[in-house]
Structure formats: C-alpha cells, structure tokens
Amino acid sequence: MPSKEITTLLENKLVQLTKRISAIEADFHKGRSQDFSEQATETENDGVLDEIHHEAKLELSLVKSALKRITEGLYGSCVECEEPINPDRLSALPYTTKCIKCAV
C-alpha cells in the first residue's frame, strides 16, 4: 500500500489539474477581441492553450487511474510484468504504471 504522502500528492495534483483544465476551458469560451491583429495573437495563444489542455487532461486521467489502483490495492505493481515498481520511480512519477524495465 502506498504511503499517505503519495495519496495526498495525487489528490492535490487532481485538484490542481481540474482547476487548470477549468481555467483553460473558461478562456476558450471567452469572447474574442474585435481588433484583427489582436485576434491573430489570440488564435496563436489558442493553439498553445489547446496543447496545454490536452496534456493536462492526459495527466488528470493518469492521476485518476493511480488513485483507482490505490483503492483496488494494485498501486505500485507494474501493469506489464506485475513486479513491484521501484519506490524511487513512484516518488518521481507517482502515477506511473510500469517499472523502469517495462517502460523502456
């Protein structure tokens, strides 16, 4: 079973990512400027925000999956070889699903 610190870290990351995604989605729904040159800048920014949004949603999915594995008692085991994942790897990347050998 993972330490309480890892569970807390994952729960905090879940809150942080949810807020980030909501803020990005709110920005997407905001009206755009009437100024043409400002619209060009906003369009460029939308591309960057879209990528950040995509990455945040992917990371959120990984965090939710890790929390589910904790609940199911499967956290810390590699999904490929079922061997324990090195605790240092889990500390660095708490939502990883594979040991270093299987991740390569």
PDB file of N, CA and C in Angstrom:
ATOM      1  N   MET A   1       0.848  -1.189   0.000  1.00  0.00           N
ATOM      2  CA  MET A   1       0.000   0.000   0.000  1.00  0.00           C
ATOM      3  C   MET A   1       0.885   1.243   0.000  1.00  0.00           C
ATOM      4  N   PRO A   2       0.544   2.224  -0.802  1.00  0.00           N
ATOM      5  CA  PRO A   2       1.378   3.428  -0.882  1.00  0.00           C
ATOM      6  C   PRO A   2       1.298   4.255   0.400  1.00  0.00           C
ATOM      7  N   SER A   3       2.292   5.097   0.545  1.00  0.00           N
ATOM      8  CA  SER A   3       2.303   5.970   1.714  1.00  0.00           C
ATOM      9  C   SER A   3       1.200   7.015   1.594  1.00  0.00           C
ATOM     10  N   LYS A   4       0.813   7.532   2.738  1.00  0.00           N
ATOM     11  CA  LYS A   4      -0.214   8.585   2.782  1.00  0.00           C
ATOM     12  C   LYS A   4       0.251   9.808   1.996  1.00  0.00           C
ATOM     13  N   GLU A   5       1.580  10.039   1.991  1.00  0.00           N
ATOM     14  CA  GLU A   5       2.120  11.193   1.264  1.00  0.00           C
ATOM     15  C   GLU A   5       1.842  11.087  -0.233  1.00  0.00           C
ATOM     16  N   ILE A   6       1.985   9.888  -0.793  1.00  0.00           N
ATOM     17  CA  ILE A   6       1.735   9.714  -2.229  1.00  0.00           C
ATOM     18  C   ILE A   6       0.258   9.906  -2.536  1.00  0.00           C
ATOM     19  N   THR A   7      -0.600   9.361  -1.684  1.00  0.00           N
ATOM     20  CA  THR A   7      -2.041   9.538  -1.886  1.00  0.00           C
ATOM     21  C   THR A   7      -2.404  11.016  -1.825  1.00  0.00           C
ATOM     22  N   THR A   8      -1.856  11.717  -0.846  1.00  0.00           N
ATOM     23  CA  THR A   8      -2.117  13.157  -0.707  1.00  0.00           C
ATOM     24  C   THR A   8      -1.582  13.920  -1.917  1.00  0.00           C
ATOM     25  N   LEU A   9      -0.378  13.560  -2.358  1.00  0.00           N
ATOM     26  CA  LEU A   9       0.220  14.201  -3.532  1.00  0.00           C
ATOM     27  C   LEU A   9      -0.671  14.015  -4.750  1.00  0.00           C
ATOM     28  N   LEU A  10      -1.170  12.802  -4.961  1.00  0.00           N
ATOM     29  CA  LEU A  10      -2.047  12.526  -6.108  1.00  0.00           C
ATOM     30  C   LEU A  10      -3.368  13.279  -5.994  1.00  0.00           C
ATOM     31  N   GLU A  11      -3.930  13.329  -4.794  1.00  0.00           N
ATOM     32  CA  GLU A  11      -5.189  14.065  -4.595  1.00  0.00           C
ATOM     33  C   GLU A  11      -4.995  15.557  -4.839  1.00  0.00           C
ATOM     34  N   ASN A  12      -3.876  16.108  -4.386  1.00  0.00           N
ATOM     35  CA  ASN A  12      -3.583  17.527  -4.629  1.00  0.00           C
ATOM     36  C   ASN A  12      -3.376  17.797  -6.114  1.00  0.00           C
ATOM     37  N   LYS A  13      -2.699  16.872  -6.796  1.00  0.00           N
ATOM     38  CA  LYS A  13      -2.479  17.007  -8.236  1.00  0.00           C
ATOM     39  C   LYS A  13      -3.813  16.961  -8.980  1.00  0.00           C
ATOM     40  N   LEU A  14      -4.728  16.120  -8.527  1.00  0.00           N
ATOM     41  CA  LEU A  14      -6.057  16.022  -9.121  1.00  0.00           C
ATOM     42  C   LEU A  14      -6.784  17.363  -9.034  1.00  0.00           C
ATOM     43  N   VAL A  15      -6.744  17.993  -7.877  1.00  0.00           N
ATOM     44  CA  VAL A  15      -7.388  19.299  -7.686  1.00  0.00           C
ATOM     45  C   VAL A  15      -6.730  20.343  -8.577  1.00  0.00           C
ATOM     46  N   GLN A  16      -5.395  20.365  -8.583  1.00  0.00           N
ATOM     47  CA  GLN A  16      -4.648  21.337  -9.381  1.00  0.00           C
ATOM     48  C   GLN A  16      -4.970  21.200 -10.876  1.00  0.00           C
ATOM     49  N   LEU A  17      -4.964  19.986 -11.374  1.00  0.00           N
ATOM     50  CA  LEU A  17      -5.244  19.760 -12.791  1.00  0.00           C
ATOM     51  C   LEU A  17      -6.683  20.097 -13.146  1.00  0.00           C
ATOM     52  N   THR A  18      -7.610  19.781 -12.271  1.00  0.00           N
ATOM     53  CA  THR A  18      -9.018  20.106 -12.509  1.00  0.00           C
ATOM     54  C   THR A  18      -9.200  21.611 -12.613  1.00  0.00           C
ATOM     55  N   LYS A  19      -8.552  22.363 -11.733  1.00  0.00           N
ATOM     56  CA  LYS A  19      -8.627  23.826 -11.793  1.00  0.00           C
ATOM     57  C   LYS A  19      -7.999  24.356 -13.079  1.00  0.00           C
ATOM     58  N   ARG A  20      -6.846  23.797 -13.462  1.00  0.00           N
ATOM     59  CA  ARG A  20      -6.165  24.249 -14.675  1.00  0.00           C
ATOM     60  C   ARG A  20      -7.035  24.002 -15.899  1.00  0.00           C
ATOM     61  N   ILE A  21      -7.638  22.831 -15.976  1.00  0.00           N
ATOM     62  CA  ILE A  21      -8.496  22.493 -17.121  1.00  0.00           C
ATOM     63  C   ILE A  21      -9.706  23.416 -17.162  1.00  0.00           C
ATOM     64  N   SER A  22     -10.309  23.680 -16.019  1.00  0.00           N
ATOM     65  CA  SER A  22     -11.468  24.582 -15.967  1.00  0.00           C
ATOM     66  C   SER A  22     -11.093  25.989 -16.418  1.00  0.00           C
ATOM     67  N   ALA A  23      -9.932  26.460 -15.993  1.00  0.00           N
ATOM     68  CA  ALA A  23      -9.486  27.803 -16.385  1.00  0.00           C
ATOM     69  C   ALA A  23      -9.242  27.886 -17.885  1.00  0.00           C
ATOM     70  N   ILE A  24      -8.650  26.859 -18.453  1.00  0.00           N
ATOM     71  CA  ILE A  24      -8.394  26.845 -19.891  1.00  0.00           C
ATOM     72  C   ILE A  24      -9.713  26.805 -20.659  1.00  0.00           C
ATOM     73  N   GLU A  25     -10.635  25.973 -20.203  1.00  0.00           N
ATOM     74  CA  GLU A  25     -11.932  25.879 -20.878  1.00  0.00           C
ATOM     75  C   GLU A  25     -12.701  27.187 -20.774  1.00  0.00           C
ATOM     76  N   ALA A  26     -12.588  27.867 -19.642  1.00  0.00           N
ATOM     77  CA  ALA A  26     -13.233  29.174 -19.491  1.00  0.00           C
ATOM     78  C   ALA A  26     -12.634  30.176 -20.476  1.00  0.00           C
ATOM     79  N   ASP A  27     -11.323  30.105 -20.663  1.00  0.00           N
ATOM     80  CA  ASP A  27     -10.672  31.011 -21.605  1.00  0.00           C
ATOM     81  C   ASP A  27     -11.135  30.735 -23.035  1.00  0.00           C
ATOM     82  N   PHE A  28     -11.310  29.472 -23.371  1.00  0.00           N
ATOM     83  CA  PHE A  28     -11.794  29.123 -24.709  1.00  0.00           C
ATOM     84  C   PHE A  28     -13.192  29.685 -24.969  1.00  0.00           C
ATOM     85  N   HIS A  29     -14.010  29.784 -23.919  1.00  0.00           N
ATOM     86  CA  HIS A  29     -15.391  30.250 -24.077  1.00  0.00           C
ATOM     87  C   HIS A  29     -15.523  31.767 -24.001  1.00  0.00           C
ATOM     88  N   LYS A  30     -14.426  32.438 -23.656  1.00  0.00           N
ATOM     89  CA  LYS A  30     -14.448  33.900 -23.601  1.00  0.00           C
ATOM     90  C   LYS A  30     -14.604  34.467 -25.008  1.00  0.00           C
ATOM     91  N   GLY A  31     -15.194  35.613 -25.086  1.00  0.00           N
ATOM     92  CA  GLY A  31     -15.308  36.288 -26.379  1.00  0.00           C
ATOM     93  C   GLY A  31     -13.945  36.746 -26.868  1.00  0.00           C
ATOM     94  N   ARG A  32     -13.844  36.971 -28.136  1.00  0.00           N
ATOM     95  CA  ARG A  32     -12.591  37.426 -28.733  1.00  0.00           C
ATOM     96  C   ARG A  32     -12.663  38.905 -29.057  1.00  0.00           C
ATOM     97  N   SER A  33     -11.500  39.481 -29.180  1.00  0.00           N
ATOM     98  CA  SER A  33     -11.348  40.907 -29.460  1.00  0.00           C
ATOM     99  C   SER A  33     -11.909  41.251 -30.842  1.00  0.00           C
ATOM    100  N   GLN A  34     -12.341  42.491 -31.001  1.00  0.00           N
ATOM    101  CA  GLN A  34     -12.804  42.982 -32.298  1.00  0.00           C
ATOM    102  C   GLN A  34     -11.627  43.387 -33.185  1.00  0.00           C
ATOM    103  N   ASP A  35     -10.481  43.630 -32.577  1.00  0.00           N
ATOM    104  CA  ASP A  35      -9.283  44.057 -33.299  1.00  0.00           C
ATOM    105  C   ASP A  35      -8.660  42.863 -34.030  1.00  0.00           C
ATOM    106  N   PHE A  36      -8.441  43.029 -35.359  1.00  0.00           N
ATOM    107  CA  PHE A  36      -7.931  41.942 -36.180  1.00  0.00           C
ATOM    108  C   PHE A  36      -6.563  41.457 -35.728  1.00  0.00           C
ATOM    109  N   SER A  37      -5.649  42.376 -35.435  1.00  0.00           N
ATOM    110  CA  SER A  37      -4.308  41.970 -35.015  1.00  0.00           C
ATOM    111  C   SER A  37      -4.355  41.255 -33.664  1.00  0.00           C
ATOM    112  N   GLU A  38      -5.255  41.692 -32.806  1.00  0.00           N
ATOM    113  CA  GLU A  38      -5.424  41.031 -31.510  1.00  0.00           C
ATOM    114  C   GLU A  38      -6.003  39.622 -31.708  1.00  0.00           C
ATOM    115  N   GLN A  39      -6.888  39.468 -32.686  1.00  0.00           N
ATOM    116  CA  GLN A  39      -7.459  38.155 -32.977  1.00  0.00           C
ATOM    117  C   GLN A  39      -6.372  37.175 -33.439  1.00  0.00           C
ATOM    118  N   ALA A  40      -5.412  37.678 -34.220  1.00  0.00           N
ATOM    119  CA  ALA A  40      -4.321  36.819 -34.690  1.00  0.00           C
ATOM    120  C   ALA A  40      -3.503  36.300 -33.512  1.00  0.00           C
ATOM    121  N   THR A  41      -3.214  37.168 -32.565  1.00  0.00           N
ATOM    122  CA  THR A  41      -2.475  36.765 -31.363  1.00  0.00           C
ATOM    123  C   THR A  41      -3.292  35.768 -30.541  1.00  0.00           C
ATOM    124  N   GLU A  42      -4.581  36.034 -30.409  1.00  0.00           N
ATOM    125  CA  GLU A  42      -5.451  35.137 -29.646  1.00  0.00           C
ATOM    126  C   GLU A  42      -5.516  33.756 -30.298  1.00  0.00           C
ATOM    127  N   THR A  43      -5.520  33.706 -31.631  1.00  0.00           N
ATOM    128  CA  THR A  43      -5.547  32.429 -32.343  1.00  0.00           C
ATOM    129  C   THR A  43      -4.275  31.641 -32.067  1.00  0.00           C
ATOM    130  N   GLU A  44      -3.123  32.309 -32.075  1.00  0.00           N
ATOM    131  CA  GLU A  44      -1.863  31.646 -31.744  1.00  0.00           C
ATOM    132  C   GLU A  44      -1.908  31.117 -30.315  1.00  0.00           C
ATOM    133  N   ASN A  45      -2.401  31.937 -29.398  1.00  0.00           N
ATOM    134  CA  ASN A  45      -2.499  31.527 -27.995  1.00  0.00           C
ATOM    135  C   ASN A  45      -3.434  30.330 -27.833  1.00  0.00           C
ATOM    136  N   ASP A  46      -4.491  30.292 -28.631  1.00  0.00           N
ATOM    137  CA  ASP A  46      -5.429  29.173 -28.562  1.00  0.00           C
ATOM    138  C   ASP A  46      -4.731  27.850 -28.894  1.00  0.00           C
ATOM    139  N   GLY A  47      -3.822  27.889 -29.848  1.00  0.00           N
ATOM    140  CA  GLY A  47      -3.078  26.682 -30.210  1.00  0.00           C
ATOM    141  C   GLY A  47      -2.239  26.174 -29.044  1.00  0.00           C
ATOM    142  N   VAL A  48      -1.578  27.096 -28.367  1.00  0.00           N
ATOM    143  CA  VAL A  48      -0.767  26.727 -27.204  1.00  0.00           C
ATOM    144  C   VAL A  48      -1.663  26.221 -26.078  1.00  0.00           C
ATOM    145  N   LEU A  49      -2.756  26.948 -25.818  1.00  0.00           N
ATOM    146  CA  LEU A  49      -3.686  26.531 -24.766  1.00  0.00           C
ATOM    147  C   LEU A  49      -4.292  25.165 -25.064  1.00  0.00           C
ATOM    148  N   ASP A  50      -4.573  24.902 -26.320  1.00  0.00           N
ATOM    149  CA  ASP A  50      -5.145  23.617 -26.696  1.00  0.00           C
ATOM    150  C   ASP A  50      -4.182  22.481 -26.348  1.00  0.00           C
ATOM    151  N   GLU A  51      -2.912  22.689 -26.598  1.00  0.00           N
ATOM    152  CA  GLU A  51      -1.914  21.661 -26.272  1.00  0.00           C
ATOM    153  C   GLU A  51      -1.784  21.487 -24.758  1.00  0.00           C
ATOM    154  N   ILE A  52      -1.760  22.587 -24.015  1.00  0.00           N
ATOM    155  CA  ILE A  52      -1.694  22.519 -22.551  1.00  0.00           C
ATOM    156  C   ILE A  52      -2.937  21.814 -22.017  1.00  0.00           C
ATOM    157  N   HIS A  53      -4.089  22.126 -22.584  1.00  0.00           N
ATOM    158  CA  HIS A  53      -5.359  21.497 -22.193  1.00  0.00           C
ATOM    159  C   HIS A  53      -5.292  19.987 -22.410  1.00  0.00           C
ATOM    160  N   HIS A  54      -4.802  19.593 -23.567  1.00  0.00           N
ATOM    161  CA  HIS A  54      -4.688  18.168 -23.900  1.00  0.00           C
ATOM    162  C   HIS A  54      -3.758  17.460 -22.910  1.00  0.00           C
ATOM    163  N   GLU A  55      -2.600  18.050 -22.642  1.00  0.00           N
ATOM    164  CA  GLU A  55      -1.633  17.450 -21.719  1.00  0.00           C
ATOM    165  C   GLU A  55      -2.199  17.369 -20.297  1.00  0.00           C
ATOM    166  N   ALA A  56      -2.913  18.401 -19.861  1.00  0.00           N
ATOM    167  CA  ALA A  56      -3.497  18.405 -18.515  1.00  0.00           C
ATOM    168  C   ALA A  56      -4.561  17.316 -18.390  1.00  0.00           C
ATOM    169  N   LYS A  57      -5.358  17.139 -19.438  1.00  0.00           N
ATOM    170  CA  LYS A  57      -6.402  16.097 -19.400  1.00  0.00           C
ATOM    171  C   LYS A  57      -5.770  14.700 -19.377  1.00  0.00           C
ATOM    172  N   LEU A  58      -4.689  14.524 -20.111  1.00  0.00           N
ATOM    173  CA  LEU A  58      -3.983  13.249 -20.106  1.00  0.00           C
ATOM    174  C   LEU A  58      -3.400  12.968 -18.720  1.00  0.00           C
ATOM    175  N   GLU A  59      -2.749  13.968 -18.136  1.00  0.00           N
ATOM    176  CA  GLU A  59      -2.177  13.804 -16.802  1.00  0.00           C
ATOM    177  C   GLU A  59      -3.272  13.550 -15.760  1.00  0.00           C
ATOM    178  N   LEU A  60      -4.403  14.237 -15.891  1.00  0.00           N
ATOM    179  CA  LEU A  60      -5.527  14.030 -14.980  1.00  0.00           C
ATOM    180  C   LEU A  60      -6.015  12.581 -15.059  1.00  0.00           C
ATOM    181  N   SER A  61      -6.094  12.045 -16.247  1.00  0.00           N
ATOM    182  CA  SER A  61      -6.508  10.660 -16.438  1.00  0.00           C
ATOM    183  C   SER A  61      -5.534   9.704 -15.741  1.00  0.00           C
ATOM    184  N   LEU A  62      -4.240   9.978 -15.845  1.00  0.00           N
ATOM    185  CA  LEU A  62      -3.233   9.143 -15.198  1.00  0.00           C
ATOM    186  C   LEU A  62      -3.342   9.218 -13.677  1.00  0.00           C
ATOM    187  N   VAL A  63      -3.587  10.413 -13.150  1.00  0.00           N
ATOM    188  CA  VAL A  63      -3.733  10.599 -11.709  1.00  0.00           C
ATOM    189  C   VAL A  63      -4.969   9.850 -11.202  1.00  0.00           C
ATOM    190  N   LYS A  64      -6.080   9.983 -11.909  1.00  0.00           N
ATOM    191  CA  LYS A  64      -7.303   9.277 -11.513  1.00  0.00           C
ATOM    192  C   LYS A  64      -7.084   7.761 -11.535  1.00  0.00           C
ATOM    193  N   SER A  65      -6.375   7.288 -12.538  1.00  0.00           N
ATOM    194  CA  SER A  65      -6.084   5.865 -12.646  1.00  0.00           C
ATOM    195  C   SER A  65      -5.218   5.398 -11.474  1.00  0.00           C
ATOM    196  N   ALA A  66      -4.229   6.196 -11.087  1.00  0.00           N
ATOM    197  CA  ALA A  66      -3.371   5.846  -9.945  1.00  0.00           C
ATOM    198  C   ALA A  66      -4.181   5.785  -8.658  1.00  0.00           C
ATOM    199  N   LEU A  67      -5.070   6.754  -8.464  1.00  0.00           N
ATOM    200  CA  LEU A  67      -5.917   6.747  -7.265  1.00  0.00           C
ATOM    201  C   LEU A  67      -6.843   5.524  -7.255  1.00  0.00           C
ATOM    202  N   LYS A  68      -7.316   5.138  -8.413  1.00  0.00           N
ATOM    203  CA  LYS A  68      -8.165   3.940  -8.507  1.00  0.00           C
ATOM    204  C   LYS A  68      -7.354   2.690  -8.166  1.00  0.00           C
ATOM    205  N   ARG A  69      -6.111   2.620  -8.666  1.00  0.00           N
ATOM    206  CA  ARG A  69      -5.256   1.478  -8.355  1.00  0.00           C
ATOM    207  C   ARG A  69      -4.965   1.405  -6.856  1.00  0.00           C
ATOM    208  N   ILE A  70      -4.834   2.569  -6.208  1.00  0.00           N
ATOM    209  CA  ILE A  70      -4.628   2.583  -4.764  1.00  0.00           C
ATOM    210  C   ILE A  70      -5.838   1.950  -4.076  1.00  0.00           C
ATOM    211  N   THR A  71      -7.022   2.391  -4.468  1.00  0.00           N
ATOM    212  CA  THR A  71      -8.265   1.868  -3.888  1.00  0.00           C
ATOM    213  C   THR A  71      -8.382   0.356  -4.098  1.00  0.00           C
ATOM    214  N   GLU A  72      -7.974  -0.114  -5.254  1.00  0.00           N
ATOM    215  CA  GLU A  72      -8.088  -1.536  -5.589  1.00  0.00           C
ATOM    216  C   GLU A  72      -6.936  -2.375  -5.044  1.00  0.00           C
ATOM    217  N   GLY A  73      -5.945  -1.707  -4.434  1.00  0.00           N
ATOM    218  CA  GLY A  73      -4.797  -2.428  -3.891  1.00  0.00           C
ATOM    219  C   GLY A  73      -3.792  -2.863  -4.941  1.00  0.00           C
ATOM    220  N   LEU A  74      -3.836  -2.254  -6.113  1.00  0.00           N
ATOM    221  CA  LEU A  74      -2.940  -2.619  -7.205  1.00  0.00           C
ATOM    222  C   LEU A  74      -1.806  -1.612  -7.408  1.00  0.00           C
ATOM    223  N   TYR A  75      -1.833  -0.536  -6.662  1.00  0.00           N
ATOM    224  CA  TYR A  75      -0.843   0.532  -6.849  1.00  0.00           C
ATOM    225  C   TYR A  75       0.562   0.011  -6.545  1.00  0.00           C
ATOM    226  N   GLY A  76       1.508   0.407  -7.389  1.00  0.00           N
ATOM    227  CA  GLY A  76       2.905   0.059  -7.161  1.00  0.00           C
ATOM    228  C   GLY A  76       3.343  -1.207  -7.868  1.00  0.00           C
ATOM    229  N   SER A  77       2.429  -1.882  -8.542  1.00  0.00           N
ATOM    230  CA  SER A  77       2.775  -3.066  -9.321  1.00  0.00           C
ATOM    231  C   SER A  77       2.750  -2.711 -10.801  1.00  0.00           C
ATOM    232  N   CYS A  78       3.719  -3.199 -11.516  1.00  0.00           N
ATOM    233  CA  CYS A  78       3.822  -2.952 -12.957  1.00  0.00           C
ATOM    234  C   CYS A  78       2.675  -3.639 -13.689  1.00  0.00           C
ATOM    235  N   VAL A  79       2.033  -2.924 -14.594  1.00  0.00           N
ATOM    236  CA  VAL A  79       0.918  -3.495 -15.351  1.00  0.00           C
ATOM    237  C   VAL A  79       1.390  -4.496 -16.403  1.00  0.00           C
ATOM    238  N   GLU A  80       2.689  -4.475 -16.725  1.00  0.00           N
ATOM    239  CA  GLU A  80       3.226  -5.404 -17.724  1.00  0.00           C
ATOM    240  C   GLU A  80       3.705  -6.705 -17.080  1.00  0.00           C
ATOM    241  N   CYS A  81       4.648  -6.589 -16.150  1.00  0.00           N
ATOM    242  CA  CYS A  81       5.271  -7.791 -15.573  1.00  0.00           C
ATOM    243  C   CYS A  81       4.758  -8.121 -14.171  1.00  0.00           C
ATOM    244  N   GLU A  82       3.965  -7.229 -13.606  1.00  0.00           N
ATOM    245  CA  GLU A  82       3.357  -7.378 -12.279  1.00  0.00           C
ATOM    246  C   GLU A  82       4.365  -7.354 -11.134  1.00  0.00           C
ATOM    247  N   GLU A  83       5.617  -7.008 -11.428  1.00  0.00           N
ATOM    248  CA  GLU A  83       6.637  -6.854 -10.388  1.00  0.00           C
ATOM    249  C   GLU A  83       6.441  -5.491  -9.711  1.00  0.00           C
ATOM    250  N   PRO A  84       6.926  -5.357  -8.485  1.00  0.00           N
ATOM    251  CA  PRO A  84       6.817  -4.055  -7.804  1.00  0.00           C
ATOM    252  C   PRO A  84       7.614  -2.978  -8.543  1.00  0.00           C
ATOM    253  N   ILE A  85       7.047  -1.789  -8.598  1.00  0.00           N
ATOM    254  CA  ILE A  85       7.736  -0.644  -9.193  1.00  0.00           C
ATOM    255  C   ILE A  85       8.634  -0.045  -8.116  1.00  0.00           C
ATOM    256  N   ASN A  86       9.846   0.293  -8.499  1.00  0.00           N
ATOM    257  CA  ASN A  86      10.814   0.871  -7.569  1.00  0.00           C
ATOM    258  C   ASN A  86      10.210   2.085  -6.869  1.00  0.00           C
ATOM    259  N   PRO A  87      10.282   2.153  -5.538  1.00  0.00           N
ATOM    260  CA  PRO A  87       9.720   3.284  -4.795  1.00  0.00           C
ATOM    261  C   PRO A  87      10.284   4.651  -5.223  1.00  0.00           C
ATOM    262  N   ASP A  88      11.553   4.685  -5.645  1.00  0.00           N
ATOM    263  CA  ASP A  88      12.127   5.946  -6.136  1.00  0.00           C
ATOM    264  C   ASP A  88      11.431   6.390  -7.417  1.00  0.00           C
ATOM    265  N   ARG A  89      11.094   5.435  -8.268  1.00  0.00           N
ATOM    266  CA  ARG A  89      10.369   5.753  -9.510  1.00  0.00           C
ATOM    267  C   ARG A  89       8.975   6.276  -9.177  1.00  0.00           C
ATOM    268  N   LEU A  90       8.313   5.626  -8.210  1.00  0.00           N
ATOM    269  CA  LEU A  90       6.981   6.075  -7.811  1.00  0.00           C
ATOM    270  C   LEU A  90       7.025   7.459  -7.156  1.00  0.00           C
ATOM    271  N   SER A  91       8.089   7.749  -6.435  1.00  0.00           N
ATOM    272  CA  SER A  91       8.219   9.077  -5.828  1.00  0.00           C
ATOM    273  C   SER A  91       8.385  10.146  -6.896  1.00  0.00           C
ATOM    274  N   ALA A  92       9.149   9.816  -7.933  1.00  0.00           N
ATOM    275  CA  ALA A  92       9.384  10.778  -9.011  1.00  0.00           C
ATOM    276  C   ALA A  92       8.184  10.916  -9.932  1.00  0.00           C
ATOM    277  N   LEU A  93       7.483   9.827 -10.164  1.00  0.00           N
ATOM    278  CA  LEU A  93       6.354   9.801 -11.091  1.00  0.00           C
ATOM    279  C   LEU A  93       5.250   8.947 -10.471  1.00  0.00           C
ATOM    280  N   PRO A  94       4.505   9.512  -9.516  1.00  0.00           N
ATOM    281  CA  PRO A  94       3.584   8.710  -8.721  1.00  0.00           C
ATOM    282  C   PRO A  94       2.434   8.070  -9.487  1.00  0.00           C
ATOM    283  N   TYR A  95       2.196   8.468 -10.722  1.00  0.00           N
ATOM    284  CA  TYR A  95       1.112   7.856 -11.481  1.00  0.00           C
ATOM    285  C   TYR A  95       1.622   6.909 -12.574  1.00  0.00           C
ATOM    286  N   THR A  96       2.897   6.530 -12.477  1.00  0.00           N
ATOM    287  CA  THR A  96       3.425   5.598 -13.451  1.00  0.00           C
ATOM    288  C   THR A  96       2.769   4.225 -13.276  1.00  0.00           C
ATOM    289  N   THR A  97       2.649   3.507 -14.366  1.00  0.00           N
ATOM    290  CA  THR A  97       2.022   2.189 -14.320  1.00  0.00           C
ATOM    291  C   THR A  97       3.018   1.071 -14.623  1.00  0.00           C
ATOM    292  N   LYS A  98       4.240   1.447 -14.987  1.00  0.00           N
ATOM    293  CA  LYS A  98       5.223   0.439 -15.393  1.00  0.00           C
ATOM    294  C   LYS A  98       6.537   0.621 -14.644  1.00  0.00           C
ATOM    295  N   CYS A  99       7.197  -0.511 -14.395  1.00  0.00           N
ATOM    296  CA  CYS A  99       8.532  -0.457 -13.829  1.00  0.00           C
ATOM    297  C   CYS A  99       9.476   0.086 -14.906  1.00  0.00           C
ATOM    298  N   ILE A 100      10.671   0.446 -14.511  1.00  0.00           N
ATOM    299  CA  ILE A 100      11.611   1.048 -15.458  1.00  0.00           C
ATOM    300  C   ILE A 100      11.949   0.079 -16.588  1.00  0.00           C
ATOM    301  N   LYS A 101      12.027  -1.220 -16.280  1.00  0.00           N
ATOM    302  CA  LYS A 101      12.358  -2.217 -17.299  1.00  0.00           C
ATOM    303  C   LYS A 101      11.280  -2.284 -18.384  1.00  0.00           C
ATOM    304  N   CYS A 102      10.036  -2.275 -17.980  1.00  0.00           N
ATOM    305  CA  CYS A 102       8.929  -2.383 -18.937  1.00  0.00           C
ATOM    306  C   CYS A 102       8.615  -1.052 -19.626  1.00  0.00           C
ATOM    307  N   ALA A 103       9.029   0.041 -19.017  1.00  0.00           N
ATOM    308  CA  ALA A 103       8.735   1.358 -19.592  1.00  0.00           C
ATOM    309  C   ALA A 103       9.658   1.684 -20.766  1.00  0.00           C
ATOM    310  N   VAL A 104      10.775   0.968 -20.866  1.00  0.00           N
ATOM    311  CA  VAL A 104      11.747   1.264 -21.923  1.00  0.00           C
ATOM    312  C   VAL A 104      11.360   0.616 -23.213  1.00  0.00           C
TER     313      VAL A 104
END
